[in-house]
N, C-alpha and C. Protein backbone atom coordinates (compact mmCIF):
# COMPACT_ATOMS: atom_id res chain seq x y z
N MET A 1 -4.48 47.39 -26.71
CA MET A 1 -4.59 48.21 -25.49
C MET A 1 -5.36 49.48 -25.84
N LYS A 2 -6.27 49.85 -24.99
CA LYS A 2 -7.08 51.05 -25.19
C LYS A 2 -6.25 52.29 -24.86
N MET A 3 -6.39 53.33 -25.70
CA MET A 3 -5.64 54.58 -25.52
C MET A 3 -6.53 55.65 -24.91
N LYS A 4 -5.89 56.55 -24.17
CA LYS A 4 -6.57 57.70 -23.55
C LYS A 4 -5.79 58.96 -23.91
N MET A 5 -6.48 60.08 -23.92
CA MET A 5 -5.86 61.39 -24.10
C MET A 5 -6.07 62.17 -22.82
N ILE A 6 -4.96 62.59 -22.20
CA ILE A 6 -5.03 63.44 -21.02
C ILE A 6 -4.80 64.87 -21.47
N ILE A 7 -5.72 65.75 -21.11
CA ILE A 7 -5.58 67.18 -21.38
C ILE A 7 -5.48 67.85 -20.02
N ALA A 8 -4.34 68.49 -19.77
CA ALA A 8 -4.12 69.15 -18.49
C ALA A 8 -3.86 70.63 -18.73
N VAL A 9 -4.67 71.48 -18.11
CA VAL A 9 -4.49 72.93 -18.21
C VAL A 9 -3.81 73.38 -16.92
N LEU A 10 -2.60 73.95 -17.07
CA LEU A 10 -1.75 74.30 -15.94
C LEU A 10 -1.43 75.78 -15.93
N ASN A 11 -1.06 76.28 -14.76
CA ASN A 11 -0.49 77.60 -14.66
C ASN A 11 0.86 77.57 -15.37
N ALA A 12 1.19 78.61 -16.11
CA ALA A 12 2.44 78.65 -16.86
C ALA A 12 3.65 78.45 -15.96
N ASP A 13 3.56 78.88 -14.70
CA ASP A 13 4.68 78.73 -13.76
C ASP A 13 5.00 77.27 -13.46
N ASP A 14 4.03 76.38 -13.60
CA ASP A 14 4.22 74.97 -13.29
C ASP A 14 4.58 74.12 -14.51
N SER A 15 4.47 74.68 -15.69
CA SER A 15 4.57 73.86 -16.91
C SER A 15 5.93 73.22 -17.11
N ALA A 16 7.01 73.92 -16.80
CA ALA A 16 8.35 73.37 -17.04
C ALA A 16 8.60 72.14 -16.18
N ILE A 17 8.26 72.21 -14.90
CA ILE A 17 8.51 71.08 -14.00
C ILE A 17 7.59 69.90 -14.32
N VAL A 18 6.34 70.18 -14.69
CA VAL A 18 5.42 69.10 -15.06
C VAL A 18 5.93 68.42 -16.33
N SER A 19 6.29 69.21 -17.34
CA SER A 19 6.80 68.65 -18.60
C SER A 19 8.05 67.82 -18.36
N HIS A 20 8.97 68.36 -17.58
CA HIS A 20 10.22 67.65 -17.29
C HIS A 20 9.95 66.29 -16.64
N ASN A 21 9.09 66.28 -15.65
CA ASN A 21 8.81 65.02 -14.93
C ASN A 21 8.01 64.03 -15.76
N LEU A 22 7.12 64.50 -16.61
CA LEU A 22 6.41 63.59 -17.51
C LEU A 22 7.40 62.91 -18.46
N MET A 23 8.26 63.72 -19.10
CA MET A 23 9.23 63.16 -20.05
C MET A 23 10.24 62.25 -19.35
N LYS A 24 10.69 62.63 -18.15
CA LYS A 24 11.63 61.82 -17.39
C LYS A 24 11.06 60.43 -17.08
N ASN A 25 9.73 60.36 -16.95
CA ASN A 25 9.07 59.10 -16.65
C ASN A 25 8.53 58.39 -17.90
N GLY A 26 8.96 58.84 -19.07
CA GLY A 26 8.65 58.13 -20.30
C GLY A 26 7.36 58.51 -20.99
N TYR A 27 6.73 59.59 -20.59
CA TYR A 27 5.49 60.02 -21.23
C TYR A 27 5.82 61.00 -22.36
N SER A 28 5.25 60.75 -23.55
CA SER A 28 5.35 61.70 -24.65
C SER A 28 4.24 62.72 -24.49
N MET A 29 4.54 63.96 -24.80
CA MET A 29 3.54 65.01 -24.60
C MET A 29 3.72 66.13 -25.59
N THR A 30 2.67 66.93 -25.72
CA THR A 30 2.70 68.14 -26.52
C THR A 30 2.26 69.28 -25.62
N LYS A 31 2.97 70.39 -25.69
CA LYS A 31 2.68 71.53 -24.83
C LYS A 31 2.20 72.69 -25.70
N LEU A 32 1.07 73.29 -25.32
CA LEU A 32 0.48 74.41 -26.05
C LEU A 32 0.35 75.62 -25.13
N ALA A 33 0.71 76.80 -25.62
CA ALA A 33 0.49 78.03 -24.85
C ALA A 33 -0.97 78.42 -25.00
N THR A 34 -1.65 78.64 -23.88
CA THR A 34 -3.07 79.01 -23.89
C THR A 34 -3.29 80.18 -22.94
N THR A 35 -4.47 80.77 -23.02
CA THR A 35 -4.82 81.88 -22.15
C THR A 35 -6.11 81.57 -21.43
N GLY A 36 -6.12 81.79 -20.11
CA GLY A 36 -7.32 81.54 -19.33
C GLY A 36 -8.35 82.64 -19.54
N GLY A 37 -9.59 82.30 -19.38
CA GLY A 37 -10.66 83.25 -19.61
C GLY A 37 -10.94 84.17 -18.44
N PHE A 38 -10.78 83.68 -17.21
CA PHE A 38 -11.15 84.47 -16.04
C PHE A 38 -10.11 85.54 -15.74
N LEU A 39 -8.86 85.15 -15.58
CA LEU A 39 -7.80 86.11 -15.27
C LEU A 39 -7.06 86.60 -16.51
N ARG A 40 -7.39 86.01 -17.64
CA ARG A 40 -6.70 86.31 -18.90
C ARG A 40 -5.19 86.13 -18.74
N ALA A 41 -4.81 85.17 -17.95
CA ALA A 41 -3.41 84.91 -17.66
C ALA A 41 -2.91 83.76 -18.53
N GLY A 42 -1.59 83.69 -18.68
CA GLY A 42 -0.99 82.64 -19.46
C GLY A 42 -1.10 81.29 -18.79
N ASN A 43 -1.58 80.34 -19.53
CA ASN A 43 -1.66 78.96 -19.10
C ASN A 43 -0.87 78.12 -20.08
N VAL A 44 -0.71 76.89 -19.75
CA VAL A 44 -0.15 75.91 -20.67
C VAL A 44 -1.09 74.71 -20.66
N THR A 45 -1.41 74.22 -21.84
CA THR A 45 -2.22 73.02 -21.96
C THR A 45 -1.31 71.90 -22.46
N ILE A 46 -1.28 70.82 -21.71
CA ILE A 46 -0.43 69.68 -22.05
C ILE A 46 -1.32 68.54 -22.52
N LEU A 47 -0.96 67.96 -23.65
CA LEU A 47 -1.66 66.80 -24.21
C LEU A 47 -0.77 65.59 -24.06
N VAL A 48 -1.30 64.55 -23.45
CA VAL A 48 -0.53 63.32 -23.24
C VAL A 48 -1.38 62.15 -23.72
N GLY A 49 -0.90 61.44 -24.74
CA GLY A 49 -1.55 60.23 -25.21
C GLY A 49 -0.93 59.04 -24.51
N VAL A 50 -1.74 58.25 -23.80
CA VAL A 50 -1.20 57.13 -23.02
C VAL A 50 -2.09 55.90 -23.15
N GLU A 51 -1.48 54.75 -22.86
CA GLU A 51 -2.27 53.53 -22.73
C GLU A 51 -3.06 53.63 -21.44
N GLU A 52 -4.20 53.01 -21.42
CA GLU A 52 -5.14 53.13 -20.30
C GLU A 52 -4.50 52.83 -18.94
N ASP A 53 -3.60 51.86 -18.88
CA ASP A 53 -3.00 51.48 -17.60
C ASP A 53 -1.94 52.48 -17.11
N LYS A 54 -1.59 53.48 -17.92
CA LYS A 54 -0.59 54.49 -17.52
C LYS A 54 -1.21 55.84 -17.20
N VAL A 55 -2.53 55.93 -17.26
CA VAL A 55 -3.21 57.20 -17.02
C VAL A 55 -2.95 57.71 -15.60
N GLN A 56 -3.13 56.87 -14.60
CA GLN A 56 -2.99 57.33 -13.22
C GLN A 56 -1.58 57.80 -12.92
N GLY A 57 -0.57 57.16 -13.48
CA GLY A 57 0.81 57.60 -13.28
C GLY A 57 1.04 59.01 -13.80
N ALA A 58 0.50 59.32 -14.98
CA ALA A 58 0.63 60.67 -15.54
C ALA A 58 -0.13 61.69 -14.69
N ILE A 59 -1.32 61.33 -14.27
CA ILE A 59 -2.11 62.24 -13.43
C ILE A 59 -1.38 62.52 -12.11
N ASP A 60 -0.78 61.49 -11.53
CA ASP A 60 -0.04 61.69 -10.28
C ASP A 60 1.11 62.67 -10.47
N ILE A 61 1.83 62.55 -11.58
CA ILE A 61 2.94 63.48 -11.86
C ILE A 61 2.42 64.90 -12.00
N ILE A 62 1.32 65.06 -12.71
CA ILE A 62 0.74 66.40 -12.90
C ILE A 62 0.32 66.99 -11.56
N LYS A 63 -0.37 66.20 -10.73
CA LYS A 63 -0.82 66.67 -9.42
C LYS A 63 0.34 67.04 -8.51
N GLU A 64 1.39 66.22 -8.49
CA GLU A 64 2.54 66.46 -7.61
C GLU A 64 3.31 67.73 -7.97
N ASN A 65 3.19 68.16 -9.22
CA ASN A 65 4.01 69.28 -9.69
C ASN A 65 3.21 70.52 -10.07
N SER A 66 1.92 70.54 -9.79
CA SER A 66 1.06 71.70 -10.05
C SER A 66 0.57 72.24 -8.72
N HIS A 67 0.89 73.48 -8.44
CA HIS A 67 0.58 74.02 -7.12
C HIS A 67 -0.31 75.26 -7.22
N SER A 68 -1.25 75.34 -6.30
CA SER A 68 -2.09 76.53 -6.20
C SER A 68 -1.30 77.63 -5.49
N ARG A 69 -1.61 78.86 -5.85
CA ARG A 69 -0.97 80.00 -5.21
C ARG A 69 -1.97 81.16 -5.20
N LYS A 70 -1.75 82.10 -4.31
CA LYS A 70 -2.62 83.27 -4.24
C LYS A 70 -2.02 84.38 -5.10
N GLN A 71 -2.92 85.14 -5.75
CA GLN A 71 -2.50 86.22 -6.63
C GLN A 71 -3.48 87.37 -6.46
N ILE A 72 -2.98 88.57 -6.54
CA ILE A 72 -3.85 89.75 -6.47
C ILE A 72 -4.37 90.05 -7.86
N MET A 73 -5.68 90.18 -7.97
CA MET A 73 -6.31 90.48 -9.25
C MET A 73 -6.74 91.94 -9.24
N ALA A 74 -6.22 92.69 -10.20
CA ALA A 74 -6.60 94.10 -10.31
C ALA A 74 -8.03 94.20 -10.81
N PRO A 75 -8.74 95.22 -10.37
CA PRO A 75 -10.11 95.38 -10.85
C PRO A 75 -10.10 95.75 -12.32
N SER A 76 -11.12 95.31 -13.02
CA SER A 76 -11.23 95.69 -14.43
C SER A 76 -12.69 95.92 -14.74
N THR A 77 -12.91 96.78 -15.68
CA THR A 77 -14.26 97.02 -16.16
C THR A 77 -14.24 96.90 -17.66
N GLU A 78 -15.31 96.41 -18.22
CA GLU A 78 -15.40 96.27 -19.66
C GLU A 78 -15.71 97.63 -20.27
N PRO A 79 -15.18 97.91 -21.47
CA PRO A 79 -15.49 99.18 -22.12
C PRO A 79 -17.00 99.36 -22.28
N GLY A 80 -17.45 100.54 -22.02
CA GLY A 80 -18.86 100.85 -22.15
C GLY A 80 -19.68 100.56 -20.91
N MET A 81 -19.08 99.94 -19.92
CA MET A 81 -19.79 99.65 -18.69
C MET A 81 -19.57 100.81 -17.73
N ASN A 82 -20.60 101.27 -17.09
CA ASN A 82 -20.49 102.37 -16.15
C ASN A 82 -20.34 101.83 -14.73
N LEU A 83 -19.27 101.10 -14.50
CA LEU A 83 -19.03 100.53 -13.20
C LEU A 83 -17.92 101.29 -12.50
N TYR A 84 -18.04 101.41 -11.20
CA TYR A 84 -16.98 102.06 -10.44
C TYR A 84 -15.88 101.05 -10.16
N PRO A 85 -14.62 101.48 -10.21
CA PRO A 85 -13.53 100.54 -9.91
C PRO A 85 -13.64 100.01 -8.49
N THR A 86 -13.24 98.79 -8.31
CA THR A 86 -13.28 98.17 -6.99
C THR A 86 -11.86 97.94 -6.50
N MET A 87 -11.74 97.50 -5.28
CA MET A 87 -10.44 97.20 -4.71
C MET A 87 -9.91 95.89 -5.32
N PRO A 88 -8.58 95.77 -5.43
CA PRO A 88 -8.03 94.50 -5.90
C PRO A 88 -8.44 93.36 -4.95
N ILE A 89 -8.60 92.18 -5.52
CA ILE A 89 -9.00 91.04 -4.70
C ILE A 89 -7.95 89.94 -4.83
N GLU A 90 -7.87 89.11 -3.81
CA GLU A 90 -6.94 88.00 -3.81
C GLU A 90 -7.68 86.76 -4.31
N VAL A 91 -7.09 86.09 -5.31
CA VAL A 91 -7.71 84.88 -5.85
C VAL A 91 -6.68 83.74 -5.82
N VAL A 92 -7.17 82.52 -5.80
CA VAL A 92 -6.30 81.36 -5.85
C VAL A 92 -6.17 80.94 -7.31
N VAL A 93 -4.93 80.83 -7.77
CA VAL A 93 -4.66 80.40 -9.14
C VAL A 93 -3.75 79.18 -9.11
N GLY A 94 -3.59 78.56 -10.24
CA GLY A 94 -2.68 77.43 -10.33
C GLY A 94 -3.40 76.12 -10.14
N GLY A 95 -2.62 75.12 -9.80
CA GLY A 95 -3.17 73.78 -9.78
C GLY A 95 -3.32 73.30 -11.21
N ALA A 96 -4.18 72.37 -11.43
CA ALA A 96 -4.38 71.84 -12.78
C ALA A 96 -5.83 71.41 -12.97
N ALA A 97 -6.33 71.63 -14.16
CA ALA A 97 -7.61 71.04 -14.57
C ALA A 97 -7.24 69.90 -15.50
N ILE A 98 -7.64 68.68 -15.14
CA ILE A 98 -7.22 67.49 -15.88
C ILE A 98 -8.46 66.80 -16.46
N PHE A 99 -8.40 66.54 -17.76
CA PHE A 99 -9.47 65.84 -18.47
C PHE A 99 -8.88 64.57 -19.07
N VAL A 100 -9.60 63.47 -18.98
CA VAL A 100 -9.16 62.21 -19.59
C VAL A 100 -10.25 61.78 -20.57
N LEU A 101 -9.84 61.62 -21.83
CA LEU A 101 -10.78 61.29 -22.90
C LEU A 101 -10.43 59.94 -23.52
N ASP A 102 -11.46 59.22 -23.97
CA ASP A 102 -11.23 58.00 -24.73
C ASP A 102 -10.71 58.37 -26.12
N VAL A 103 -9.81 57.56 -26.65
CA VAL A 103 -9.29 57.76 -28.00
C VAL A 103 -9.85 56.64 -28.87
N ASP A 104 -10.65 57.00 -29.88
CA ASP A 104 -11.25 56.01 -30.76
C ASP A 104 -10.24 55.43 -31.73
N HIS A 105 -9.29 56.25 -32.17
CA HIS A 105 -8.34 55.80 -33.17
C HIS A 105 -7.01 56.47 -32.92
N PHE A 106 -5.91 55.71 -33.05
CA PHE A 106 -4.58 56.27 -32.87
C PHE A 106 -3.63 55.66 -33.87
N GLU A 107 -2.83 56.49 -34.52
CA GLU A 107 -1.79 56.04 -35.44
C GLU A 107 -0.55 56.86 -35.19
N LYS A 108 0.59 56.21 -35.20
CA LYS A 108 1.85 56.93 -35.13
C LYS A 108 2.57 56.66 -36.42
N VAL A 109 2.78 57.71 -37.22
CA VAL A 109 3.40 57.54 -38.54
C VAL A 109 4.72 58.24 -38.63
């Protein structure tokens, strides 16, 4: 059976429920604390190694438990930049970015 690696980048607020539901449904996973580049906010990256026929089930669980939400982003300027501060803006955060990769080799030892 061909193996796939699912990499899902989630909002930290959604990680516990996604992890719980993946494990409850028999998926083994690894959870990594990561930081997003745009908002510099805490994310969680979940790695799930699955057989090809179980990919869609894992993706469905991730989608069902990852939700977008609105957040106010404070203005920021980089040091050395002569920019005037702007008003805070509302941005949509959350949801999930999901990548599915082919696995050339897999061993469980």
